[in-house]
Amino acid sequence: MDIYVAKYCQDKIFYGYEYLRSDKSRYGDIGTVYYVGKGKGNRAYEKHHKGISIPKDKSNIHTTSLMNEADAFQWENFSNLFQRSY
């Protein structure tokens, strides 16, 4: 097993997160998800390079429990597919 697999696929240091809308817009209603990501540490609360705005109201950031990186990727991909179905 290589170091990457040993470190990131077994350790539960990652989580999934969602950003929820605080206002109604042409893209969705209040409380609907506008961004899904995976991260570790404070990633959900840090500026993104993709131009994604972080909710000013931190209660509009929902996080999952800790998981390994492989599960976090799977959660993120599934969540993004679900969001695109609307």
PDB file of N, CA and C in Angstrom:
ATOM      1  N   MET A   1       0.841  -1.177   0.000  1.00  0.00           N
ATOM      2  CA  MET A   1       0.000   0.000   0.000  1.00  0.00           C
ATOM      3  C   MET A   1       0.889   1.244   0.000  1.00  0.00           C
ATOM      4  N   ASP A   2       0.617   2.180  -0.916  1.00  0.00           N
ATOM      5  CA  ASP A   2       1.468   3.371  -0.955  1.00  0.00           C
ATOM      6  C   ASP A   2       1.101   4.348   0.175  1.00  0.00           C
ATOM      7  N   ILE A   3       1.930   5.353   0.355  1.00  0.00           N
ATOM      8  CA  ILE A   3       1.754   6.301   1.459  1.00  0.00           C
ATOM      9  C   ILE A   3       0.445   7.072   1.313  1.00  0.00           C
ATOM     10  N   TYR A   4       0.079   7.443   0.083  1.00  0.00           N
ATOM     11  CA  TYR A   4      -1.155   8.190  -0.132  1.00  0.00           C
ATOM     12  C   TYR A   4      -2.359   7.408   0.378  1.00  0.00           C
ATOM     13  N   VAL A   5      -2.460   6.157  -0.045  1.00  0.00           N
ATOM     14  CA  VAL A   5      -3.583   5.322   0.384  1.00  0.00           C
ATOM     15  C   VAL A   5      -3.564   5.154   1.891  1.00  0.00           C
ATOM     16  N   ALA A   6      -2.409   4.900   2.442  1.00  0.00           N
ATOM     17  CA  ALA A   6      -2.302   4.705   3.884  1.00  0.00           C
ATOM     18  C   ALA A   6      -2.712   5.946   4.650  1.00  0.00           C
ATOM     19  N   LYS A   7      -2.315   7.131   4.167  1.00  0.00           N
ATOM     20  CA  LYS A   7      -2.588   8.355   4.903  1.00  0.00           C
ATOM     21  C   LYS A   7      -4.003   8.881   4.708  1.00  0.00           C
ATOM     22  N   TYR A   8      -4.471   8.984   3.458  1.00  0.00           N
ATOM     23  CA  TYR A   8      -5.723   9.675   3.191  1.00  0.00           C
ATOM     24  C   TYR A   8      -6.944   8.774   3.039  1.00  0.00           C
ATOM     25  N   CYS A   9      -6.767   7.531   2.709  1.00  0.00           N
ATOM     26  CA  CYS A   9      -7.923   6.669   2.523  1.00  0.00           C
ATOM     27  C   CYS A   9      -8.312   5.937   3.799  1.00  0.00           C
ATOM     28  N   GLN A  10      -7.442   5.903   4.778  1.00  0.00           N
ATOM     29  CA  GLN A  10      -7.774   5.230   6.020  1.00  0.00           C
ATOM     30  C   GLN A  10      -8.094   6.220   7.141  1.00  0.00           C
ATOM     31  N   ASP A  11      -7.424   7.356   7.163  1.00  0.00           N
ATOM     32  CA  ASP A  11      -7.663   8.346   8.212  1.00  0.00           C
ATOM     33  C   ASP A  11      -8.967   9.083   7.941  1.00  0.00           C
ATOM     34  N   LYS A  12      -9.751   9.272   8.982  1.00  0.00           N
ATOM     35  CA  LYS A  12     -11.019   9.992   8.849  1.00  0.00           C
ATOM     36  C   LYS A  12     -10.791  11.448   9.227  1.00  0.00           C
ATOM     37  N   ILE A  13     -10.214  12.196   8.263  1.00  0.00           N
ATOM     38  CA  ILE A  13      -9.889  13.604   8.509  1.00  0.00           C
ATOM     39  C   ILE A  13     -10.646  14.538   7.562  1.00  0.00           C
ATOM     40  N   PHE A  14     -11.459  13.994   6.667  1.00  0.00           N
ATOM     41  CA  PHE A  14     -12.194  14.786   5.686  1.00  0.00           C
ATOM     42  C   PHE A  14     -13.669  14.852   6.059  1.00  0.00           C
ATOM     43  N   TYR A  15     -14.369  15.823   5.467  1.00  0.00           N
ATOM     44  CA  TYR A  15     -15.809  15.949   5.655  1.00  0.00           C
ATOM     45  C   TYR A  15     -16.400  16.559   4.394  1.00  0.00           C
ATOM     46  N   GLY A  16     -17.688  16.423   4.244  1.00  0.00           N
ATOM     47  CA  GLY A  16     -18.389  17.071   3.155  1.00  0.00           C
ATOM     48  C   GLY A  16     -19.084  18.311   3.688  1.00  0.00           C
ATOM     49  N   TYR A  17     -19.315  19.282   2.812  1.00  0.00           N
ATOM     50  CA  TYR A  17     -20.030  20.485   3.248  1.00  0.00           C
ATOM     51  C   TYR A  17     -20.893  21.034   2.130  1.00  0.00           C
ATOM     52  N   GLU A  18     -21.939  21.752   2.520  1.00  0.00           N
ATOM     53  CA  GLU A  18     -22.867  22.378   1.587  1.00  0.00           C
ATOM     54  C   GLU A  18     -23.076  23.828   2.000  1.00  0.00           C
ATOM     55  N   TYR A  19     -23.187  24.685   1.005  1.00  0.00           N
ATOM     56  CA  TYR A  19     -23.536  26.088   1.227  1.00  0.00           C
ATOM     57  C   TYR A  19     -24.999  26.261   0.829  1.00  0.00           C
ATOM     58  N   LEU A  20     -25.782  26.864   1.716  1.00  0.00           N
ATOM     59  CA  LEU A  20     -27.199  27.085   1.467  1.00  0.00           C
ATOM     60  C   LEU A  20     -27.473  28.551   1.164  1.00  0.00           C
ATOM     61  N   ARG A  21     -28.431  28.799   0.280  1.00  0.00           N
ATOM     62  CA  ARG A  21     -28.803  30.168  -0.084  1.00  0.00           C
ATOM     63  C   ARG A  21     -29.493  30.862   1.090  1.00  0.00           C
ATOM     64  N   SER A  22     -29.160  32.127   1.300  1.00  0.00           N
ATOM     65  CA  SER A  22     -29.824  32.908   2.343  1.00  0.00           C
ATOM     66  C   SER A  22     -30.940  33.773   1.765  1.00  0.00           C
ATOM     67  N   ASP A  23     -30.947  33.940   0.447  1.00  0.00           N
ATOM     68  CA  ASP A  23     -31.974  34.724  -0.244  1.00  0.00           C
ATOM     69  C   ASP A  23     -32.487  33.937  -1.444  1.00  0.00           C
ATOM     70  N   LYS A  24     -33.703  34.228  -1.823  1.00  0.00           N
ATOM     71  CA  LYS A  24     -34.251  33.619  -3.031  1.00  0.00           C
ATOM     72  C   LYS A  24     -33.587  34.282  -4.239  1.00  0.00           C
ATOM     73  N   SER A  25     -33.264  33.487  -5.241  1.00  0.00           N
ATOM     74  CA  SER A  25     -32.676  34.016  -6.466  1.00  0.00           C
ATOM     75  C   SER A  25     -33.269  33.275  -7.653  1.00  0.00           C
ATOM     76  N   ARG A  26     -32.853  33.654  -8.828  1.00  0.00           N
ATOM     77  CA  ARG A  26     -33.346  32.953 -10.015  1.00  0.00           C
ATOM     78  C   ARG A  26     -32.831  31.513 -10.078  1.00  0.00           C
ATOM     79  N   TYR A  27     -31.818  31.203  -9.264  1.00  0.00           N
ATOM     80  CA  TYR A  27     -31.230  29.862  -9.258  1.00  0.00           C
ATOM     81  C   TYR A  27     -31.847  28.934  -8.217  1.00  0.00           C
ATOM     82  N   GLY A  28     -32.554  29.492  -7.227  1.00  0.00           N
ATOM     83  CA  GLY A  28     -33.153  28.642  -6.213  1.00  0.00           C
ATOM     84  C   GLY A  28     -33.753  29.420  -5.061  1.00  0.00           C
ATOM     85  N   ASP A  29     -34.493  28.718  -4.244  1.00  0.00           N
ATOM     86  CA  ASP A  29     -35.161  29.309  -3.090  1.00  0.00           C
ATOM     87  C   ASP A  29     -34.234  29.389  -1.887  1.00  0.00           C
ATOM     88  N   ILE A  30     -34.666  30.125  -0.882  1.00  0.00           N
ATOM     89  CA  ILE A  30     -33.932  30.225   0.383  1.00  0.00           C
ATOM     90  C   ILE A  30     -33.757  28.819   0.958  1.00  0.00           C
ATOM     91  N   GLY A  31     -32.561  28.521   1.431  1.00  0.00           N
ATOM     92  CA  GLY A  31     -32.280  27.238   2.058  1.00  0.00           C
ATOM     93  C   GLY A  31     -31.882  26.126   1.116  1.00  0.00           C
ATOM     94  N   THR A  32     -31.879  26.388  -0.196  1.00  0.00           N
ATOM     95  CA  THR A  32     -31.443  25.351  -1.131  1.00  0.00           C
ATOM     96  C   THR A  32     -29.923  25.402  -1.285  1.00  0.00           C
ATOM     97  N   VAL A  33     -29.354  24.296  -1.647  1.00  0.00           N
ATOM     98  CA  VAL A  33     -27.897  24.165  -1.763  1.00  0.00           C
ATOM     99  C   VAL A  33     -27.409  24.833  -3.043  1.00  0.00           C
ATOM    100  N   TYR A  34     -26.339  25.632  -2.916  1.00  0.00           N
ATOM    101  CA  TYR A  34     -25.739  26.208  -4.125  1.00  0.00           C
ATOM    102  C   TYR A  34     -24.300  25.758  -4.340  1.00  0.00           C
ATOM    103  N   TYR A  35     -23.708  25.080  -3.366  1.00  0.00           N
ATOM    104  CA  TYR A  35     -22.354  24.556  -3.553  1.00  0.00           C
ATOM    105  C   TYR A  35     -22.145  23.358  -2.641  1.00  0.00           C
ATOM    106  N   VAL A  36     -21.494  22.342  -3.179  1.00  0.00           N
ATOM    107  CA  VAL A  36     -21.147  21.132  -2.433  1.00  0.00           C
ATOM    108  C   VAL A  36     -19.653  20.919  -2.565  1.00  0.00           C
ATOM    109  N   GLY A  37     -18.990  20.622  -1.464  1.00  0.00           N
ATOM    110  CA  GLY A  37     -17.554  20.390  -1.510  1.00  0.00           C
ATOM    111  C   GLY A  37     -17.101  19.398  -0.463  1.00  0.00           C
ATOM    112  N   LYS A  38     -15.840  19.061  -0.517  1.00  0.00           N
ATOM    113  CA  LYS A  38     -15.220  18.218   0.498  1.00  0.00           C
ATOM    114  C   LYS A  38     -13.983  18.935   0.985  1.00  0.00           C
ATOM    115  N   GLY A  39     -13.616  18.690   2.221  1.00  0.00           N
ATOM    116  CA  GLY A  39     -12.443  19.374   2.738  1.00  0.00           C
ATOM    117  C   GLY A  39     -11.984  18.780   4.050  1.00  0.00           C
ATOM    118  N   LYS A  40     -10.970  19.406   4.600  1.00  0.00           N
ATOM    119  CA  LYS A  40     -10.485  19.058   5.928  1.00  0.00           C
ATOM    120  C   LYS A  40     -10.067  20.347   6.613  1.00  0.00           C
ATOM    121  N   GLY A  41      -9.987  20.312   7.911  1.00  0.00           N
ATOM    122  CA  GLY A  41      -9.660  21.527   8.646  1.00  0.00           C
ATOM    123  C   GLY A  41     -10.772  22.554   8.504  1.00  0.00           C
ATOM    124  N   ASN A  42     -10.409  23.797   8.156  1.00  0.00           N
ATOM    125  CA  ASN A  42     -11.376  24.887   8.020  1.00  0.00           C
ATOM    126  C   ASN A  42     -11.813  25.142   6.582  1.00  0.00           C
ATOM    127  N   ARG A  43     -11.636  24.188   5.692  1.00  0.00           N
ATOM    128  CA  ARG A  43     -11.910  24.382   4.261  1.00  0.00           C
ATOM    129  C   ARG A  43     -13.297  24.969   3.990  1.00  0.00           C
ATOM    130  N   ALA A  44     -14.304  24.530   4.685  1.00  0.00           N
ATOM    131  CA  ALA A  44     -15.663  25.005   4.421  1.00  0.00           C
ATOM    132  C   ALA A  44     -15.826  26.490   4.726  1.00  0.00           C
ATOM    133  N   TYR A  45     -14.927  27.050   5.530  1.00  0.00           N
ATOM    134  CA  TYR A  45     -15.039  28.442   5.973  1.00  0.00           C
ATOM    135  C   TYR A  45     -13.996  29.361   5.338  1.00  0.00           C
ATOM    136  N   GLU A  46     -13.202  28.832   4.403  1.00  0.00           N
ATOM    137  CA  GLU A  46     -12.143  29.604   3.756  1.00  0.00           C
ATOM    138  C   GLU A  46     -12.541  30.007   2.340  1.00  0.00           C
ATOM    139  N   LYS A  47     -11.942  31.072   1.845  1.00  0.00           N
ATOM    140  CA  LYS A  47     -12.209  31.573   0.495  1.00  0.00           C
ATOM    141  C   LYS A  47     -11.845  30.520  -0.548  1.00  0.00           C
ATOM    142  N   HIS A  48     -12.698  30.408  -1.567  1.00  0.00           N
ATOM    143  CA  HIS A  48     -12.470  29.470  -2.664  1.00  0.00           C
ATOM    144  C   HIS A  48     -11.879  30.219  -3.853  1.00  0.00           C
ATOM    145  N   HIS A  49     -11.044  29.545  -4.591  1.00  0.00           N
ATOM    146  CA  HIS A  49     -10.435  30.147  -5.773  1.00  0.00           C
ATOM    147  C   HIS A  49     -11.383  30.119  -6.973  1.00  0.00           C
ATOM    148  N   LYS A  50     -12.471  29.375  -6.869  1.00  0.00           N
ATOM    149  CA  LYS A  50     -13.407  29.228  -7.979  1.00  0.00           C
ATOM    150  C   LYS A  50     -14.411  30.371  -8.053  1.00  0.00           C
ATOM    151  N   GLY A  51     -14.317  31.339  -7.165  1.00  0.00           N
ATOM    152  CA  GLY A  51     -15.265  32.435  -7.148  1.00  0.00           C
ATOM    153  C   GLY A  51     -16.555  32.108  -6.413  1.00  0.00           C
ATOM    154  N   ILE A  52     -16.542  31.063  -5.627  1.00  0.00           N
ATOM    155  CA  ILE A  52     -17.713  30.679  -4.844  1.00  0.00           C
ATOM    156  C   ILE A  52     -17.748  31.526  -3.581  1.00  0.00           C
ATOM    157  N   SER A  53     -18.882  32.162  -3.329  1.00  0.00           N
ATOM    158  CA  SER A  53     -18.971  32.983  -2.120  1.00  0.00           C
ATOM    159  C   SER A  53     -19.365  32.122  -0.924  1.00  0.00           C
ATOM    160  N   ILE A  54     -18.734  32.396   0.193  1.00  0.00           N
ATOM    161  CA  ILE A  54     -19.007  31.695   1.440  1.00  0.00           C
ATOM    162  C   ILE A  54     -20.195  32.394   2.102  1.00  0.00           C
ATOM    163  N   PRO A  55     -21.161  31.637   2.612  1.00  0.00           N
ATOM    164  CA  PRO A  55     -22.293  32.282   3.281  1.00  0.00           C
ATOM    165  C   PRO A  55     -21.836  33.169   4.445  1.00  0.00           C
ATOM    166  N   LYS A  56     -22.381  34.382   4.508  1.00  0.00           N
ATOM    167  CA  LYS A  56     -22.060  35.269   5.628  1.00  0.00           C
ATOM    168  C   LYS A  56     -22.602  34.701   6.927  1.00  0.00           C
ATOM    169  N   ASP A  57     -23.782  34.111   6.858  1.00  0.00           N
ATOM    170  CA  ASP A  57     -24.385  33.460   8.021  1.00  0.00           C
ATOM    171  C   ASP A  57     -23.851  32.022   8.081  1.00  0.00           C
ATOM    172  N   LYS A  58     -23.005  31.753   9.034  1.00  0.00           N
ATOM    173  CA  LYS A  58     -22.344  30.444   9.123  1.00  0.00           C
ATOM    174  C   LYS A  58     -23.323  29.301   9.370  1.00  0.00           C
ATOM    175  N   SER A  59     -24.547  29.611   9.797  1.00  0.00           N
ATOM    176  CA  SER A  59     -25.546  28.543   9.962  1.00  0.00           C
ATOM    177  C   SER A  59     -26.013  28.016   8.601  1.00  0.00           C
ATOM    178  N   ASN A  60     -25.642  28.697   7.525  1.00  0.00           N
ATOM    179  CA  ASN A  60     -25.942  28.233   6.171  1.00  0.00           C
ATOM    180  C   ASN A  60     -24.834  27.354   5.603  1.00  0.00           C
ATOM    181  N   ILE A  61     -23.922  26.909   6.451  1.00  0.00           N
ATOM    182  CA  ILE A  61     -22.898  25.935   6.069  1.00  0.00           C
ATOM    183  C   ILE A  61     -23.190  24.654   6.830  1.00  0.00           C
ATOM    184  N   HIS A  62     -23.521  23.601   6.113  1.00  0.00           N
ATOM    185  CA  HIS A  62     -23.797  22.307   6.731  1.00  0.00           C
ATOM    186  C   HIS A  62     -22.642  21.361   6.443  1.00  0.00           C
ATOM    187  N   THR A  63     -22.186  20.649   7.465  1.00  0.00           N
ATOM    188  CA  THR A  63     -21.081  19.712   7.294  1.00  0.00           C
ATOM    189  C   THR A  63     -21.514  18.305   7.677  1.00  0.00           C
ATOM    190  N   THR A  64     -20.818  17.325   7.121  1.00  0.00           N
ATOM    191  CA  THR A  64     -21.057  15.924   7.460  1.00  0.00           C
ATOM    192  C   THR A  64     -20.079  15.509   8.549  1.00  0.00           C
ATOM    193  N   SER A  65     -20.202  14.287   8.986  1.00  0.00           N
ATOM    194  CA  SER A  65     -19.242  13.754   9.945  1.00  0.00           C
ATOM    195  C   SER A  65     -17.923  13.442   9.237  1.00  0.00           C
ATOM    196  N   LEU A  66     -16.889  13.229  10.011  1.00  0.00           N
ATOM    197  CA  LEU A  66     -15.571  12.940   9.448  1.00  0.00           C
ATOM    198  C   LEU A  66     -15.577  11.605   8.719  1.00  0.00           C
ATOM    199  N   MET A  67     -14.823  11.550   7.617  1.00  0.00           N
ATOM    200  CA  MET A  67     -14.709  10.331   6.814  1.00  0.00           C
ATOM    201  C   MET A  67     -13.347  10.314   6.133  1.00  0.00           C
ATOM    202  N   ASN A  68     -13.001   9.195   5.531  1.00  0.00           N
ATOM    203  CA  ASN A  68     -11.731   9.156   4.802  1.00  0.00           C
ATOM    204  C   ASN A  68     -11.901   9.863   3.462  1.00  0.00           C
ATOM    205  N   GLU A  69     -10.799  10.134   2.778  1.00  0.00           N
ATOM    206  CA  GLU A  69     -10.860  10.925   1.548  1.00  0.00           C
ATOM    207  C   GLU A  69     -11.648  10.236   0.446  1.00  0.00           C
ATOM    208  N   ALA A  70     -11.510   8.934   0.324  1.00  0.00           N
ATOM    209  CA  ALA A  70     -12.243   8.212  -0.720  1.00  0.00           C
ATOM    210  C   ALA A  70     -13.746   8.361  -0.512  1.00  0.00           C
ATOM    211  N   ASP A  71     -14.210   8.224   0.723  1.00  0.00           N
ATOM    212  CA  ASP A  71     -15.634   8.395   1.011  1.00  0.00           C
ATOM    213  C   ASP A  71     -16.069   9.840   0.794  1.00  0.00           C
ATOM    214  N   ALA A  72     -15.209  10.806   1.122  1.00  0.00           N
ATOM    215  CA  ALA A  72     -15.534  12.219   0.929  1.00  0.00           C
ATOM    216  C   ALA A  72     -15.692  12.541  -0.561  1.00  0.00           C
ATOM    217  N   PHE A  73     -14.810  12.002  -1.405  1.00  0.00           N
ATOM    218  CA  PHE A  73     -14.948  12.180  -2.857  1.00  0.00           C
ATOM    219  C   PHE A  73     -16.269  11.596  -3.341  1.00  0.00           C
ATOM    220  N   GLN A  74     -16.582  10.394  -2.872  1.00  0.00           N
ATOM    221  CA  GLN A  74     -17.812   9.733  -3.275  1.00  0.00           C
ATOM    222  C   GLN A  74     -19.029  10.553  -2.833  1.00  0.00           C
ATOM    223  N   TRP A  75     -19.023  11.058  -1.598  1.00  0.00           N
ATOM    224  CA  TRP A  75     -20.125  11.886  -1.097  1.00  0.00           C
ATOM    225  C   TRP A  75     -20.283  13.141  -1.954  1.00  0.00           C
ATOM    226  N   GLU A  76     -19.151  13.807  -2.247  1.00  0.00           N
ATOM    227  CA  GLU A  76     -19.179  15.042  -3.038  1.00  0.00           C
ATOM    228  C   GLU A  76     -19.746  14.786  -4.430  1.00  0.00           C
ATOM    229  N   ASN A  77     -19.279  13.727  -5.089  1.00  0.00           N
ATOM    230  CA  ASN A  77     -19.749  13.415  -6.440  1.00  0.00           C
ATOM    231  C   ASN A  77     -21.228  13.075  -6.446  1.00  0.00           C
ATOM    232  N   PHE A  78     -21.681  12.280  -5.479  1.00  0.00           N
ATOM    233  CA  PHE A  78     -23.094  11.925  -5.399  1.00  0.00           C
ATOM    234  C   PHE A  78     -23.942  13.168  -5.148  1.00  0.00           C
ATOM    235  N   SER A  79     -23.511  14.017  -4.235  1.00  0.00           N
ATOM    236  CA  SER A  79     -24.264  15.237  -3.913  1.00  0.00           C
ATOM    237  C   SER A  79     -24.353  16.165  -5.112  1.00  0.00           C
ATOM    238  N   ASN A  80     -23.267  16.303  -5.860  1.00  0.00           N
ATOM    239  CA  ASN A  80     -23.286  17.157  -7.053  1.00  0.00           C
ATOM    240  C   ASN A  80     -24.203  16.592  -8.124  1.00  0.00           C
ATOM    241  N   LEU A  81     -24.237  15.288  -8.294  1.00  0.00           N
ATOM    242  CA  LEU A  81     -25.155  14.680  -9.266  1.00  0.00           C
ATOM    243  C   LEU A  81     -26.598  14.941  -8.868  1.00  0.00           C
ATOM    244  N   PHE A  82     -26.886  14.822  -7.574  1.00  0.00           N
ATOM    245  CA  PHE A  82     -28.238  15.043  -7.077  1.00  0.00           C
ATOM    246  C   PHE A  82     -28.645  16.498  -7.309  1.00  0.00           C
ATOM    247  N   GLN A  83     -27.753  17.448  -7.073  1.00  0.00           N
ATOM    248  CA  GLN A  83     -28.069  18.857  -7.268  1.00  0.00           C
ATOM    249  C   GLN A  83     -28.363  19.169  -8.722  1.00  0.00           C
ATOM    250  N   ARG A  84     -27.676  18.546  -9.646  1.00  0.00           N
ATOM    251  CA  ARG A  84     -27.872  18.829 -11.069  1.00  0.00           C
ATOM    252  C   ARG A  84     -29.161  18.254 -11.613  1.00  0.00           C
ATOM    253  N   SER A  85     -29.809  17.362 -10.855  1.00  0.00           N
ATOM    254  CA  SER A  85     -31.023  16.742 -11.360  1.00  0.00           C
ATOM    255  C   SER A  85     -32.225  17.668 -11.259  1.00  0.00           C
ATOM    256  N   TYR A  86     -32.091  18.834 -10.620  1.00  0.00           N
ATOM    257  CA  TYR A  86     -33.203  19.778 -10.475  1.00  0.00           C
ATOM    258  C   TYR A  86     -33.161  20.849 -11.534  1.00  0.00           C
TER     259      TYR A  86
END
